[in-house]
């Protein structure tokens, strides 16, 4: 059986509620997703948090996953990319808010 077929069977099992199958997907893809996220954010703690979020997002959305386009791995990495972008957006907003508070204190 090809790797793609094995993966397709795992995904179908997860879509039917099989948590063990999702554990197998997690074990298979954790390291590459973590490596990607770590490369993007540069912080191990942030990378661990974001990677955990990627798999939570994947679990919540897997029922809507369908085999079209680039496939499951690309779908996971797309979730990771979006979660990394959300991380940077959140940090940028927080930094702007802190700068705004600091400049207000300087005026007083």
Protein backbone atom coordinates (compact mmCIF):
# COMPACT_ATOMS: atom_id res chain seq x y z
CA UNK A 1 0.00 0.00 0.00
CA UNK A 2 1.37 3.42 -0.91
CA UNK A 3 2.03 6.11 1.69
CA UNK A 4 -0.71 8.27 0.18
CA UNK A 5 -3.25 5.44 0.56
CA UNK A 6 -2.18 4.79 4.15
CA UNK A 7 -2.56 8.47 4.91
CA UNK A 8 -5.95 8.59 3.19
CA UNK A 9 -7.14 5.71 5.36
CA UNK A 10 -5.87 7.45 8.50
CA UNK A 11 -7.66 10.67 7.55
CA UNK A 12 -10.91 8.78 6.92
CA UNK A 13 -10.59 7.10 10.31
CA UNK A 14 -10.07 10.48 11.99
CA UNK A 15 -13.06 11.91 10.14
CA UNK A 16 -15.10 9.07 11.63
CA UNK A 17 -13.90 9.96 15.15
CA UNK A 18 -10.90 7.64 15.60
CA UNK A 19 -8.56 9.49 17.99
CA UNK A 20 -5.86 6.82 17.66
CA UNK A 21 -5.64 7.57 13.94
CA UNK A 22 -5.20 11.27 14.72
CA UNK A 23 -2.42 10.33 17.14
CA UNK A 24 -0.68 8.55 14.29
CA UNK A 25 -0.99 11.62 12.09
CA UNK A 26 0.31 13.77 14.94
CA UNK A 27 3.31 11.48 15.42
CA UNK A 28 4.03 11.49 11.72
CA UNK A 29 3.82 15.25 11.16
CA UNK A 30 4.77 16.84 14.48
CA UNK A 31 8.50 17.13 13.76
CA UNK A 32 8.23 18.70 10.28
CA UNK A 33 5.49 21.11 11.38
CA UNK A 34 7.46 22.07 14.50
CA UNK A 35 10.65 22.59 12.45
CA UNK A 36 8.78 24.85 10.02
CA UNK A 37 7.19 26.89 12.79
CA UNK A 38 10.46 27.18 14.74
CA UNK A 39 12.23 28.41 11.60
CA UNK A 40 9.55 31.06 11.17
CA UNK A 41 9.30 32.34 14.75
CA UNK A 42 12.74 31.58 16.18
CA UNK A 43 11.49 30.82 19.68
CA UNK A 44 11.15 27.25 20.94
CA UNK A 45 8.40 28.15 23.40
CA UNK A 46 6.37 29.98 20.74
CA UNK A 47 7.00 27.18 18.23
CA UNK A 48 5.72 24.58 20.70
CA UNK A 49 2.58 26.61 21.40
CA UNK A 50 1.90 27.33 17.74
CA UNK A 51 2.52 23.71 16.72
CA UNK A 52 0.06 22.51 19.36
CA UNK A 53 -2.43 25.00 17.95
CA UNK A 54 -1.86 23.72 14.42
CA UNK A 55 -2.86 20.22 15.45
CA UNK A 56 -5.87 21.46 17.40
CA UNK A 57 -6.98 23.46 14.36
CA UNK A 58 -6.42 20.42 12.14
CA UNK A 59 -8.48 18.21 14.43
CA UNK A 60 -11.31 20.75 14.49
CA UNK A 61 -11.28 21.12 10.69
CA UNK A 62 -10.46 17.62 9.51
CA UNK A 63 -14.08 16.73 8.81
CA UNK A 64 -14.07 19.38 6.07
CA UNK A 65 -10.78 18.19 4.56
CA UNK A 66 -11.09 16.71 1.08
CA UNK A 67 -8.45 15.26 -1.23
CA UNK A 68 -8.04 17.91 -3.86
CA UNK A 69 -5.09 20.00 -4.80
CA UNK A 70 -1.78 19.44 -3.03
CA UNK A 71 -2.95 16.95 -0.39
CA UNK A 72 -3.02 16.49 3.35
CA UNK A 73 0.54 17.52 4.17
CA UNK A 74 0.11 20.78 2.28
CA UNK A 75 -3.16 21.34 4.13
CA UNK A 76 -1.37 20.94 7.48
CA UNK A 77 1.42 23.30 6.46
CA UNK A 78 -1.15 25.84 5.27
CA UNK A 79 -2.72 25.75 8.74
CA UNK A 80 0.77 26.19 10.23
CA UNK A 81 1.46 29.16 7.95
CA UNK A 82 -1.80 30.84 8.98
CA UNK A 83 -1.11 30.19 12.67
CA UNK A 84 2.39 31.68 12.34
CA UNK A 85 0.94 34.76 10.61
CA UNK A 86 -1.66 35.09 13.37
CA UNK A 87 1.17 34.89 15.93
CA UNK A 88 2.99 37.80 14.29
CA UNK A 89 -0.21 39.84 13.90
CA UNK A 90 -0.97 39.39 17.59
CA UNK A 91 2.56 40.43 18.58
CA UNK A 92 2.43 43.46 16.29
CA UNK A 93 -0.90 44.60 17.78
CA UNK A 94 0.43 44.09 21.29
CA UNK A 95 3.59 46.07 20.51
CA UNK A 96 1.56 48.93 19.02
CA UNK A 97 -0.69 48.96 22.10
CA UNK A 98 2.34 49.10 24.42
CA UNK A 99 3.91 51.90 22.37
CA UNK A 100 0.61 53.78 22.52
CA UNK A 101 0.44 53.44 26.30
CA UNK A 102 4.05 54.53 26.66
CA UNK A 103 3.53 57.64 24.55
CA UNK A 104 0.41 58.52 26.57
CA UNK A 105 2.44 58.31 29.80
CA UNK A 106 5.09 60.59 28.32
CA UNK A 107 2.50 63.28 27.61
CA UNK A 108 1.20 63.31 31.18
